[in-house]
């Protein structure tokens, strides 16, 4: 639940609301796929000092549309637009400094340009600046400033910023510890489909931390993450079905969710799937399949699987060398 997820995102093309006529013509050509003609319009505007034209010309060089890709020229034109206060150009220039594209890698310069864009309300710049302050990258580490910038992005609806702000409340980093605030920001991110936030909500409802304890809501959040393919959520949803917590007990559903997670290589789910085969829960009893899945989990260092495999092979010596192949878990799913 404490794990951080960090995205540094580059946004190369944004429609400028202050574009001049030449830029508007270029955008129209861009939208129809006439990239070379669009470049000519953007070049005319850029050379005339139009910040939007400079931004768009940089974007064409960065993406290689209508011109040969050239990150160095992109950086030149982004800087010219950025120096005129173009927020998206400031953001993109920060990304170039951060990732050493078209310019030398320079975290401090990245922070400078992210701050300029962030102060204009640029949501991605606000998030990235929060990440830099949290990690002490290009700026002195400062959790209070990280919280400030994450909050500004979060209040604009940025899901990763909402997750990060929730984690700061969870861990009392830069803000006073508050389980209720952590839950609120996790919920906002989770409702936008962010898997780590959905997992966090499930854990909070399971434990009754920051929210009333509610196994049904825990199961609901695990299901949302599981249906997006998250193997931890799939395994945990299987556990809830196996124990009848928050959902009616259903061994078949438990088996099916274990199988989905096990096929992705999640050792705990492989162990649970092996137990289902060994006990005939939700599937026909098959000690051979149990041994296969135990060995897969054991090979990842999962101690319980290693112990169970040893006991199974001692009881049934014929299972000393189960067929080792990763195959779809056969059963009722």
Protein backbone atom coordinates (compact mmCIF):
# COMPACT_ATOMS: atom_id res chain seq x y z
CA UNK A 1 0.00 0.00 0.00
CA UNK A 2 2.96 2.28 0.53
CA UNK A 3 4.52 1.80 -2.89
CA UNK A 4 5.05 4.94 -4.94
CA UNK A 5 4.28 5.13 -8.60
CA UNK A 6 6.01 7.92 -10.53
CA UNK A 7 5.35 9.00 -14.09
CA UNK A 8 7.29 11.71 -15.87
CA UNK A 9 5.11 12.48 -18.86
CA UNK A 10 5.95 14.37 -22.04
CA UNK A 11 3.10 16.13 -23.79
CA UNK A 12 4.35 17.07 -27.22
CA UNK A 13 1.32 18.63 -28.86
CA UNK A 14 -1.27 20.89 -27.28
CA UNK A 15 -3.59 23.27 -29.07
CA UNK A 16 -2.59 26.81 -28.16
CA UNK A 17 -5.39 29.22 -27.35
CA UNK A 18 -3.24 32.17 -28.41
CA UNK A 19 -2.24 30.95 -31.87
CA UNK A 20 -2.03 33.47 -34.69
CA UNK A 21 -3.57 32.98 -38.11
CA UNK A 22 -0.53 31.22 -39.56
CA UNK A 23 -0.44 28.85 -36.62
CA UNK A 24 -4.16 28.17 -36.91
CA UNK A 25 -3.62 27.33 -40.59
CA UNK A 26 -0.80 25.01 -39.60
CA UNK A 27 -2.95 23.29 -36.99
CA UNK A 28 -5.65 22.75 -39.59
CA UNK A 29 -3.10 21.17 -41.93
CA UNK A 30 -1.71 19.09 -39.06
CA UNK A 31 -5.13 17.69 -38.31
CA UNK A 32 -5.55 16.53 -41.90
CA UNK A 33 -2.15 14.85 -41.90
CA UNK A 34 -0.53 17.44 -44.19
CA UNK A 35 2.52 17.65 -41.98
CA UNK A 36 5.04 19.16 -44.41
CA UNK A 37 2.65 22.00 -45.24
CA UNK A 38 1.95 22.47 -41.53
CA UNK A 39 5.67 22.75 -40.85
CA UNK A 40 5.93 25.60 -43.36
CA UNK A 41 3.15 27.50 -41.59
CA UNK A 42 4.65 26.87 -38.17
CA UNK A 43 8.10 27.92 -39.40
CA UNK A 44 6.78 31.22 -40.71
CA UNK A 45 5.06 31.93 -37.41
CA UNK A 46 8.03 30.77 -35.32
CA UNK A 47 10.49 32.94 -37.21
CA UNK A 48 8.16 35.89 -36.73
CA UNK A 49 8.39 35.36 -32.98
CA UNK A 50 5.00 33.70 -32.40
CA UNK A 51 5.31 31.56 -29.26
CA UNK A 52 2.59 29.13 -30.35
CA UNK A 53 4.30 28.72 -33.71
CA UNK A 54 7.60 28.07 -31.97
CA UNK A 55 5.93 25.49 -29.76
CA UNK A 56 4.35 23.69 -32.69
CA UNK A 57 7.53 23.77 -34.77
CA UNK A 58 9.41 22.24 -31.85
CA UNK A 59 6.75 19.57 -31.58
CA UNK A 60 7.10 18.71 -35.27
CA UNK A 61 10.86 18.33 -34.85
CA UNK A 62 10.35 16.24 -31.73
CA UNK A 63 7.86 13.87 -33.38
CA UNK A 64 9.39 13.87 -36.86
CA UNK A 65 6.19 14.86 -38.60
CA UNK A 66 6.85 16.74 -41.81
CA UNK A 67 10.56 17.05 -40.95
CA UNK A 68 13.48 14.83 -40.04
CA UNK A 69 13.33 14.22 -36.26
CA UNK A 70 15.75 16.52 -34.47
CA UNK A 71 15.57 16.79 -30.68
CA UNK A 72 18.23 19.50 -30.64
CA UNK A 73 16.16 21.80 -32.87
CA UNK A 74 13.10 20.90 -30.84
CA UNK A 75 14.89 22.05 -27.70
CA UNK A 76 15.89 25.33 -29.40
CA UNK A 77 12.32 26.14 -30.40
CA UNK A 78 10.79 24.98 -27.13
CA UNK A 79 13.20 27.29 -25.31
CA UNK A 80 12.22 30.28 -27.47
CA UNK A 81 8.55 29.65 -26.78
CA UNK A 82 9.21 28.93 -23.11
CA UNK A 83 11.07 32.18 -22.67
CA UNK A 84 7.94 33.94 -23.88
CA UNK A 85 5.91 32.23 -21.16
CA UNK A 86 4.33 29.40 -23.18
CA UNK A 87 3.43 26.92 -20.44
CA UNK A 88 3.40 23.75 -22.54
CA UNK A 89 6.75 24.69 -24.05
CA UNK A 90 8.13 25.25 -20.56
CA UNK A 91 6.88 21.83 -19.54
CA UNK A 92 8.30 20.10 -22.62
CA UNK A 93 11.64 21.84 -22.21
CA UNK A 94 11.72 20.55 -18.65
CA UNK A 95 11.12 17.02 -19.94
CA UNK A 96 13.99 17.39 -22.42
CA UNK A 97 16.35 18.47 -19.65
CA UNK A 98 15.15 15.62 -17.46
CA UNK A 99 15.58 12.97 -20.16
CA UNK A 100 18.65 14.39 -21.97
CA UNK A 101 16.88 14.75 -25.30
CA UNK A 102 18.32 17.48 -27.48
CA UNK A 103 20.21 18.94 -24.55
CA UNK A 104 22.47 17.85 -21.72
CA UNK A 105 20.72 16.12 -18.85
CA UNK A 106 20.09 18.68 -16.11
CA UNK A 107 17.62 17.98 -13.30
CA UNK A 108 17.99 21.49 -11.89
CA UNK A 109 17.03 23.07 -15.21
CA UNK A 110 14.15 20.63 -15.51
CA UNK A 111 12.89 21.82 -12.14
CA UNK A 112 13.23 25.47 -13.19
CA UNK A 113 11.07 24.99 -16.27
CA UNK A 114 8.55 22.72 -14.56
CA UNK A 115 8.12 25.41 -11.89
CA UNK A 116 7.48 28.12 -14.48
CA UNK A 117 4.82 25.96 -16.14
CA UNK A 118 3.40 24.78 -12.81
CA UNK A 119 2.93 28.35 -11.64
CA UNK A 120 0.73 28.87 -14.71
CA UNK A 121 -1.44 25.93 -13.67
CA UNK A 122 0.07 23.30 -16.00
CA UNK A 123 -1.15 20.08 -14.40
CA UNK A 124 1.63 17.78 -15.64
CA UNK A 125 4.30 20.27 -14.61
CA UNK A 126 2.75 20.48 -11.15
CA UNK A 127 2.87 16.71 -10.82
CA UNK A 128 6.43 16.43 -12.10
CA UNK A 129 7.62 19.21 -9.81
CA UNK A 130 6.04 17.34 -6.91
CA UNK A 131 7.96 14.22 -7.91
CA UNK A 132 11.25 16.16 -8.05
CA UNK A 133 10.70 17.66 -4.59
CA UNK A 134 9.70 14.29 -3.16
CA UNK A 135 12.79 12.58 -4.58
CA UNK A 136 15.21 15.47 -4.10
CA UNK A 137 15.98 15.42 -7.81
CA UNK A 138 17.23 18.76 -9.13
CA UNK A 139 15.99 20.47 -5.96
CA UNK A 140 16.54 19.84 -2.24
CA UNK A 141 14.16 17.19 -0.99
CA UNK A 142 11.13 18.88 0.57
CA UNK A 143 8.03 16.82 1.31
CA UNK A 144 5.99 19.92 2.17
CA UNK A 145 6.64 21.40 -1.29
CA UNK A 146 6.03 18.00 -2.85
CA UNK A 147 2.65 17.92 -1.10
CA UNK A 148 1.90 21.46 -2.26
CA UNK A 149 2.49 20.65 -5.93
CA UNK A 150 0.84 17.23 -5.80
CA UNK A 151 -2.20 18.90 -4.24
CA UNK A 152 -2.43 21.49 -7.01
CA UNK A 153 -2.31 18.76 -9.67
CA UNK A 154 -4.62 16.51 -7.65
CA UNK A 155 -7.24 19.23 -7.33
CA UNK A 156 -7.21 19.51 -11.12
CA UNK A 157 -7.95 15.78 -11.32
CA UNK A 158 -4.52 14.27 -12.00
CA UNK A 159 -4.91 10.64 -10.77
CA UNK A 160 -1.24 9.93 -10.05
CA UNK A 161 -1.00 13.19 -8.08
CA UNK A 162 -4.06 12.14 -6.11
CA UNK A 163 -2.38 8.82 -5.34
CA UNK A 164 0.85 10.51 -4.31
CA UNK A 165 -0.98 12.99 -2.09
CA UNK A 166 -2.84 10.11 -0.45
CA UNK A 167 0.46 8.39 0.25
CA UNK A 168 1.88 11.55 1.80
CA UNK A 169 -1.11 11.67 4.17
CA UNK A 170 -0.68 7.96 4.80
CA UNK A 171 2.97 8.36 5.76
CA UNK A 172 2.89 11.85 7.36
CA UNK A 173 5.28 13.22 4.76
CA UNK A 174 4.98 16.98 4.34
CA UNK A 175 1.48 16.91 5.84
CA UNK A 176 -0.06 15.80 9.12
CA UNK A 177 -0.89 12.11 9.09
CA UNK A 178 -4.55 11.53 8.25
CA UNK A 179 -6.06 8.18 7.34
CA UNK A 180 -9.28 9.91 6.30
CA UNK A 181 -7.46 12.28 3.93
CA UNK A 182 -5.38 9.41 2.56
CA UNK A 183 -8.58 7.48 1.85
CA UNK A 184 -10.21 10.48 0.18
CA UNK A 185 -7.36 11.04 -2.24
CA UNK A 186 -6.94 7.31 -2.92
CA UNK A 187 -10.66 7.15 -3.69
CA UNK A 188 -10.46 9.99 -6.20
CA UNK A 189 -7.59 8.30 -8.00
CA UNK A 190 -9.27 4.89 -7.79
CA UNK A 191 -12.45 6.20 -9.36
CA UNK A 192 -10.35 7.26 -12.34
CA UNK A 193 -9.19 3.67 -12.75
CA UNK A 194 -5.72 3.89 -11.22
CA UNK A 195 -4.91 0.36 -10.12
CA UNK A 196 -2.58 1.13 -7.15
CA UNK A 197 -5.24 3.44 -5.72
CA UNK A 198 -7.90 0.76 -6.17
CA UNK A 199 -5.69 -1.70 -4.30
CA UNK A 200 -5.17 0.84 -1.54
CA UNK A 201 -8.90 1.38 -1.19
CA UNK A 202 -9.46 -2.35 -0.95
CA UNK A 203 -6.86 -2.62 1.82
CA UNK A 204 -8.34 0.32 3.73
CA UNK A 205 -11.84 -1.17 3.60
CA UNK A 206 -10.47 -4.58 4.65
CA UNK A 207 -8.76 -3.05 7.68
CA UNK A 208 -11.22 -0.27 8.44
CA UNK A 209 -8.50 2.39 8.24
CA UNK A 210 -9.74 5.87 7.31
CA UNK A 211 -13.07 4.33 6.26
CA UNK A 212 -15.56 2.03 7.97
CA UNK A 213 -14.54 -1.63 7.73
CA UNK A 214 -16.48 -3.14 4.82
CA UNK A 215 -15.51 -6.41 3.15
CA UNK A 216 -18.05 -5.91 0.37
CA UNK A 217 -16.48 -2.61 -0.65
CA UNK A 218 -13.03 -4.18 -0.36
CA UNK A 219 -14.17 -6.89 -2.76
CA UNK A 220 -15.59 -4.26 -5.11
CA UNK A 221 -12.28 -2.40 -5.30
CA UNK A 222 -10.30 -5.61 -5.73
CA UNK A 223 -12.64 -6.57 -8.56
CA UNK A 224 -12.08 -3.25 -10.37
CA UNK A 225 -8.32 -3.75 -10.25
CA UNK A 226 -8.59 -7.46 -11.03
CA UNK A 227 -10.64 -6.81 -14.14
CA UNK A 228 -7.85 -4.53 -15.33
CA UNK A 229 -5.48 -7.48 -15.05
CA UNK A 230 -3.75 -6.75 -11.74
CA UNK A 231 -2.48 -10.06 -10.40
CA UNK A 232 -2.43 -9.01 -6.72
CA UNK A 233 -6.07 -7.96 -6.93
CA UNK A 234 -6.97 -11.15 -8.76
CA UNK A 235 -5.38 -13.29 -6.08
CA UNK A 236 -6.92 -11.31 -3.23
CA UNK A 237 -10.35 -11.44 -4.81
CA UNK A 238 -9.92 -15.19 -5.03
CA UNK A 239 -9.13 -15.29 -1.31
CA UNK A 240 -12.32 -13.36 -0.55
CA UNK A 241 -14.38 -15.83 -2.59
CA UNK A 242 -12.67 -18.77 -0.90
CA UNK A 243 -13.54 -17.40 2.53
CA UNK A 244 -16.89 -15.81 1.77
CA UNK A 245 -15.73 -12.35 2.83
CA UNK A 246 -17.60 -9.51 1.16
CA UNK A 247 -18.93 -11.94 -1.46
CA UNK A 248 -20.82 -15.23 -1.24
CA UNK A 249 -18.41 -18.14 -0.80
CA UNK A 250 -17.70 -19.62 -4.21
CA UNK A 251 -14.81 -22.04 -4.69
CA UNK A 252 -15.14 -21.94 -8.46
CA UNK A 253 -14.77 -18.17 -8.54
CA UNK A 254 -11.84 -18.43 -6.14
CA UNK A 255 -10.15 -20.95 -8.42
CA UNK A 256 -10.72 -18.82 -11.50
CA UNK A 257 -9.24 -15.68 -9.97
CA UNK A 258 -6.27 -17.63 -8.59
CA UNK A 259 -5.73 -19.04 -12.07
CA UNK A 260 -5.65 -15.60 -13.70
CA UNK A 261 -3.04 -14.35 -11.25
CA UNK A 262 -1.03 -17.58 -11.30
CA UNK A 263 -0.72 -17.48 -15.07
CA UNK A 264 0.88 -14.05 -14.70
CA UNK A 265 3.55 -15.57 -12.46
CA UNK A 266 2.30 -14.39 -9.05
CA UNK A 267 3.79 -16.90 -6.60
CA UNK A 268 1.13 -16.55 -3.90
CA UNK A 269 -1.62 -17.20 -6.45
CA UNK A 270 0.30 -20.19 -7.80
CA UNK A 271 0.40 -21.56 -4.26
CA UNK A 272 -3.31 -20.93 -3.79
CA UNK A 273 -4.08 -22.54 -7.14
CA UNK A 274 -2.04 -25.59 -6.16
CA UNK A 275 -4.04 -25.88 -2.93
CA UNK A 276 -7.29 -25.74 -4.91
CA UNK A 277 -6.09 -28.62 -7.11
CA UNK A 278 -4.78 -30.61 -4.14
CA UNK A 279 -8.05 -30.26 -2.22
CA UNK A 280 -10.47 -30.35 -5.15
CA UNK A 281 -11.86 -26.93 -4.30
CA UNK A 282 -13.57 -25.31 -7.25
CA UNK A 283 -11.95 -27.80 -9.62
CA UNK A 284 -11.43 -31.54 -9.86
CA UNK A 285 -8.69 -32.91 -7.61
CA UNK A 286 -5.42 -33.22 -9.51
CA UNK A 287 -2.22 -33.75 -7.52
CA UNK A 288 -0.12 -33.56 -10.66
CA UNK A 289 -1.36 -30.04 -11.38
CA UNK A 290 -0.91 -29.18 -7.71
CA UNK A 291 2.73 -30.25 -7.92
CA UNK A 292 3.32 -28.24 -11.10
CA UNK A 293 1.99 -25.02 -9.58
CA UNK A 294 3.77 -25.62 -6.28
CA UNK A 295 7.06 -26.02 -8.11
CA UNK A 296 6.50 -22.80 -10.04
CA UNK A 297 5.83 -20.90 -6.81
CA UNK A 298 8.70 -22.63 -5.02
CA UNK A 299 11.11 -21.65 -7.78
CA UNK A 300 10.36 -18.01 -6.93
CA UNK A 301 11.37 -18.60 -3.33
CA UNK A 302 7.85 -18.79 -1.92
CA UNK A 303 8.52 -20.62 1.35
CA UNK A 304 5.06 -22.08 1.92
CA UNK A 305 5.09 -23.56 -1.58
CA UNK A 306 8.53 -25.08 -0.99
CA UNK A 307 7.30 -26.70 2.22
CA UNK A 308 4.08 -27.98 0.69
CA UNK A 309 5.91 -29.35 -2.35
CA UNK A 310 8.31 -31.27 -0.10
CA UNK A 311 5.43 -32.78 1.88
CA UNK A 312 3.48 -33.67 -1.27
CA UNK A 313 6.48 -35.38 -2.87
CA UNK A 314 7.26 -37.30 0.33
CA UNK A 315 3.69 -38.58 0.42
CA UNK A 316 3.50 -39.27 -3.33
CA UNK A 317 7.02 -40.12 -4.62
CA UNK A 318 5.70 -40.32 -8.18
CA UNK A 319 5.36 -36.53 -8.07
CA UNK A 320 9.10 -35.99 -7.60
CA UNK A 321 9.37 -34.70 -11.16
CA UNK A 322 6.08 -33.14 -12.23
CA UNK A 323 5.84 -32.00 -15.82
CA UNK A 324 7.21 -28.48 -15.78
CA UNK A 325 5.32 -26.41 -18.28
CA UNK A 326 3.27 -23.31 -17.80
CA UNK A 327 -0.12 -24.22 -19.21
CA UNK A 328 -3.50 -22.61 -18.76
CA UNK A 329 -5.04 -23.80 -15.55
CA UNK A 330 -7.61 -26.31 -16.70
CA UNK A 331 -10.87 -26.06 -14.86
CA UNK A 332 -14.31 -24.48 -14.83
CA UNK A 333 -13.37 -20.87 -15.71
